[in-house]
Amino acid sequence: MTPGLLALLLGGYLVGSIPFGLLIGRAVKGIDLRQYGSGNIGFSNALRVLGWRPAAVVFAGDALKGAIPVVVGQALLKAWNVPRADLWILLVALAPILGHSFSVFLLFRGGRAVTTTLGVLLGLCWQAGAIALGVWLVAVAITRYISVGSICAAISVPTYMFLSGKSREWLILWTAVALLVILRHLSNIKRLVKGTEVKIGERVEV
């Protein structure tokens, strides 16, 4: 691995590690978002605790930190004429997702990576990202549970990769990412089974 490739992967991880939910929570209400609601630093908990305007900023930040490393990575890999760039870009895509889930700034804790994964997909394979977003919107509209929408959207990605004939490497990576997202939602799944999961629109008092 060349220094340039190492810097690209490390840079993607560090960008993905930026905890926008935590930063916006402190800036808007002076609180640690991890101490309220589900304790998650992502869009859904920001929506419950901070309201839709701050949550929209969190959404944009988390999506951009997924999209930017991929867009930059594709340009640099092409400029450097890297052999097997199609495989390297998958590692670049994975870096911000892992950064969000296991942030170095939060002692390797983090969020569920749904919005960051969406940003990565929109930068890497916009069709898969658009389908995942559509699945999320439909599932949330029907169930009113963001977690259900996120799980369904995660499953849709490797399904699209398989049906569209993507390579084995693409299928393996996005299956692994979907499993990561689902595993990060285990607490939500338990609350869904118990009937205690918070629906979209319900607020958490601060």
Protein backbone atom coordinates (compact mmCIF):
# COMPACT_ATOMS: atom_id res chain seq x y z
CA MET A 1 0.00 0.00 0.00
CA THR A 2 1.41 3.37 -1.02
CA PRO A 3 1.46 6.39 1.34
CA GLY A 4 -1.15 8.05 -0.86
CA LEU A 5 -3.58 5.15 -0.55
CA LEU A 6 -2.98 4.94 3.19
CA ALA A 7 -3.67 8.67 3.55
CA LEU A 8 -6.84 8.28 1.48
CA LEU A 9 -8.18 5.51 3.72
CA LEU A 10 -7.15 7.24 6.94
CA GLY A 11 -8.58 10.54 5.76
CA GLY A 12 -11.91 8.86 4.92
CA TYR A 13 -12.02 7.26 8.35
CA LEU A 14 -11.24 10.53 10.14
CA VAL A 15 -13.84 12.47 8.15
CA GLY A 16 -16.38 9.76 8.92
CA SER A 17 -15.47 9.98 12.60
CA ILE A 18 -16.63 13.61 12.93
CA PRO A 19 -19.61 13.37 15.37
CA PHE A 20 -21.93 15.97 13.87
CA GLY A 21 -24.83 14.95 16.12
CA LEU A 22 -22.74 15.54 19.22
CA LEU A 23 -21.40 18.86 17.91
CA ILE A 24 -24.82 20.17 16.86
CA GLY A 25 -26.40 19.07 20.15
CA ARG A 26 -23.81 21.02 22.10
CA ALA A 27 -24.04 24.06 19.81
CA VAL A 28 -27.86 24.25 19.77
CA LYS A 29 -28.86 23.18 23.27
CA GLY A 30 -25.61 22.71 25.14
CA ILE A 31 -26.29 19.02 25.67
CA ASP A 32 -24.57 15.72 25.02
CA LEU A 33 -26.93 13.95 22.62
CA ARG A 34 -25.70 10.60 23.94
CA GLN A 35 -27.43 11.32 27.25
CA TYR A 36 -30.92 11.63 25.77
CA GLY A 37 -33.37 9.53 23.82
CA SER A 38 -31.77 6.43 22.35
CA GLY A 39 -28.28 7.75 23.09
CA ASN A 40 -27.44 7.66 19.40
CA ILE A 41 -25.59 10.56 17.72
CA GLY A 42 -27.36 10.26 14.36
CA PHE A 43 -30.26 11.89 12.58
CA SER A 44 -33.12 9.95 14.20
CA ASN A 45 -32.14 10.75 17.78
CA ALA A 46 -31.28 14.34 16.83
CA LEU A 47 -34.81 14.65 15.41
CA ARG A 48 -36.38 13.42 18.66
CA VAL A 49 -34.20 15.50 20.98
CA LEU A 50 -33.23 18.63 19.03
CA GLY A 51 -36.05 19.09 16.53
CA TRP A 52 -36.13 18.96 12.74
CA ARG A 53 -33.93 21.96 11.92
CA PRO A 54 -30.85 20.82 13.90
CA ALA A 55 -31.59 17.25 12.80
CA ALA A 56 -31.50 18.37 9.16
CA VAL A 57 -28.02 19.81 9.74
CA VAL A 58 -26.92 16.53 11.33
CA PHE A 59 -28.36 14.64 8.35
CA ALA A 60 -26.50 16.84 5.87
CA GLY A 61 -23.23 16.59 7.78
CA ASP A 62 -23.41 12.82 8.14
CA ALA A 63 -24.32 12.37 4.46
CA LEU A 64 -21.56 14.67 3.25
CA LYS A 65 -18.91 12.95 5.34
CA GLY A 66 -19.81 9.77 3.47
CA ALA A 67 -20.03 11.31 0.00
CA ILE A 68 -16.95 13.55 0.04
CA PRO A 69 -14.31 10.85 0.70
CA VAL A 70 -15.80 8.71 -2.08
CA VAL A 71 -15.90 11.54 -4.64
CA VAL A 72 -12.37 12.65 -3.75
CA GLY A 73 -11.17 9.04 -3.67
CA GLN A 74 -12.53 8.28 -7.14
CA ALA A 75 -10.80 11.36 -8.57
CA LEU A 76 -7.47 10.59 -6.93
CA LEU A 77 -7.47 6.91 -7.80
CA LYS A 78 -8.09 7.84 -11.42
CA ALA A 79 -5.38 10.53 -11.38
CA TRP A 80 -2.89 8.15 -9.77
CA ASN A 81 -3.80 5.38 -12.23
CA VAL A 82 -3.97 2.88 -9.36
CA PRO A 83 -4.22 -0.79 -10.40
CA ARG A 84 -7.54 -2.38 -9.40
CA ALA A 85 -8.98 1.00 -8.53
CA ASP A 86 -12.44 -0.62 -8.57
CA LEU A 87 -11.48 -2.56 -5.46
CA TRP A 88 -9.64 0.27 -3.73
CA ILE A 89 -12.67 2.53 -4.02
CA LEU A 90 -14.66 -0.03 -2.04
CA LEU A 91 -12.19 0.30 0.83
CA VAL A 92 -12.39 4.08 0.54
CA ALA A 93 -16.19 3.75 0.72
CA LEU A 94 -15.98 1.60 3.82
CA ALA A 95 -13.66 4.00 5.68
CA PRO A 96 -16.19 6.77 6.58
CA ILE A 97 -18.84 4.18 7.45
CA LEU A 98 -16.47 2.60 9.98
CA GLY A 99 -15.46 6.08 11.12
CA HIS A 100 -19.05 6.98 11.97
CA SER A 101 -19.74 3.66 13.71
CA PHE A 102 -16.41 3.53 15.57
CA SER A 103 -15.29 7.14 15.87
CA VAL A 104 -11.78 7.76 17.14
CA PHE A 105 -13.13 10.98 18.68
CA LEU A 106 -15.68 9.02 20.76
CA LEU A 107 -13.36 6.27 22.00
CA PHE A 108 -14.37 4.07 19.04
CA ARG A 109 -18.07 4.36 19.70
CA GLY A 110 -20.52 5.97 17.34
CA GLY A 111 -23.78 5.84 15.47
CA ARG A 112 -25.60 3.41 13.24
CA ALA A 113 -24.08 4.78 10.01
CA VAL A 114 -27.35 4.88 8.05
CA THR A 115 -27.04 8.46 6.79
CA THR A 116 -23.29 8.18 6.22
CA THR A 117 -23.85 5.01 4.20
CA LEU A 118 -26.46 6.86 2.14
CA GLY A 119 -23.90 9.58 1.42
CA VAL A 120 -21.33 6.97 0.38
CA LEU A 121 -23.85 5.33 -1.96
CA LEU A 122 -24.89 8.62 -3.54
CA GLY A 123 -21.23 9.32 -4.28
CA LEU A 124 -20.38 5.81 -5.46
CA CYS A 125 -23.56 4.30 -6.93
CA TRP A 126 -26.38 6.85 -6.90
CA GLN A 127 -28.94 4.33 -8.15
CA ALA A 128 -28.48 2.14 -5.08
CA GLY A 129 -28.58 5.24 -2.86
CA ALA A 130 -31.80 6.49 -4.47
CA ILE A 131 -33.48 3.09 -4.10
CA ALA A 132 -32.37 2.80 -0.46
CA LEU A 133 -33.73 6.28 0.27
CA GLY A 134 -37.01 5.41 -1.43
CA VAL A 135 -37.31 2.19 0.57
CA TRP A 136 -36.58 4.13 3.77
CA LEU A 137 -39.25 6.72 3.02
CA VAL A 138 -41.91 4.12 2.19
CA ALA A 139 -41.12 1.95 5.23
CA VAL A 140 -41.14 4.94 7.60
CA ALA A 141 -44.37 6.26 6.08
CA ILE A 142 -46.06 2.89 6.59
CA THR A 143 -44.71 1.99 10.05
CA ARG A 144 -43.72 5.42 11.46
CA TYR A 145 -40.55 3.77 12.78
CA ILE A 146 -37.24 5.22 11.53
CA SER A 147 -35.45 2.07 12.66
CA VAL A 148 -37.66 -0.12 10.47
CA GLY A 149 -36.99 2.15 7.50
CA SER A 150 -33.24 2.01 8.16
CA ILE A 151 -33.17 -1.78 8.38
CA CYS A 152 -35.25 -2.16 5.20
CA ALA A 153 -33.02 0.35 3.39
CA ALA A 154 -29.90 -1.54 4.49
CA ILE A 155 -31.29 -4.80 3.12
CA SER A 156 -32.18 -3.14 -0.19
CA VAL A 157 -28.55 -2.25 -0.95
CA PRO A 158 -26.99 -5.73 -1.34
CA THR A 159 -30.24 -6.80 -3.00
CA TYR A 160 -29.74 -4.09 -5.63
CA MET A 161 -26.06 -5.01 -6.03
CA PHE A 162 -27.03 -8.63 -6.69
CA LEU A 163 -29.89 -7.88 -9.09
CA SER A 164 -27.83 -5.33 -11.04
CA GLY A 165 -24.99 -7.81 -11.58
CA LYS A 166 -22.30 -6.04 -9.56
CA SER A 167 -19.09 -7.93 -8.88
CA ARG A 168 -18.65 -10.38 -6.02
CA GLU A 169 -16.52 -7.82 -4.17
CA TRP A 170 -19.31 -5.24 -4.31
CA LEU A 171 -21.84 -7.78 -3.11
CA ILE A 172 -19.62 -8.91 -0.23
CA LEU A 173 -18.90 -5.36 0.91
CA TRP A 174 -22.50 -4.14 0.85
CA THR A 175 -23.78 -7.31 2.49
CA ALA A 176 -21.26 -6.70 5.29
CA VAL A 177 -22.34 -3.05 5.59
CA ALA A 178 -26.01 -4.08 5.71
CA LEU A 179 -25.23 -6.56 8.49
CA LEU A 180 -23.33 -3.85 10.39
CA VAL A 181 -26.31 -1.49 10.16
CA ILE A 182 -28.70 -4.21 11.32
CA LEU A 183 -26.43 -5.20 14.22
CA ARG A 184 -26.22 -1.54 15.27
CA HIS A 185 -30.03 -1.58 15.42
CA LEU A 186 -30.32 -4.55 17.81
CA SER A 187 -31.49 -2.32 20.65
CA ASN A 188 -34.15 -0.86 18.35
CA ILE A 189 -35.24 -4.35 17.32
CA LYS A 190 -35.66 -5.30 20.98
CA ARG A 191 -37.78 -2.19 21.58
CA LEU A 192 -39.85 -2.96 18.50
CA VAL A 193 -40.58 -6.44 19.86
CA LYS A 194 -41.55 -4.97 23.23
CA GLY A 195 -43.64 -2.23 21.62
CA THR A 196 -41.59 0.56 23.22
CA GLU A 197 -39.81 1.90 20.14
CA VAL A 198 -40.36 5.65 19.63
CA LYS A 199 -42.22 6.60 16.46
CA ILE A 200 -41.24 9.43 14.16
CA GLY A 201 -42.62 12.75 15.32
CA GLU A 202 -42.45 11.88 19.02
CA ARG A 203 -40.15 14.19 20.97
CA VAL A 204 -37.86 13.59 23.92
CA GLU A 205 -37.93 16.24 26.63
CA VAL A 206 -34.57 17.84 27.43
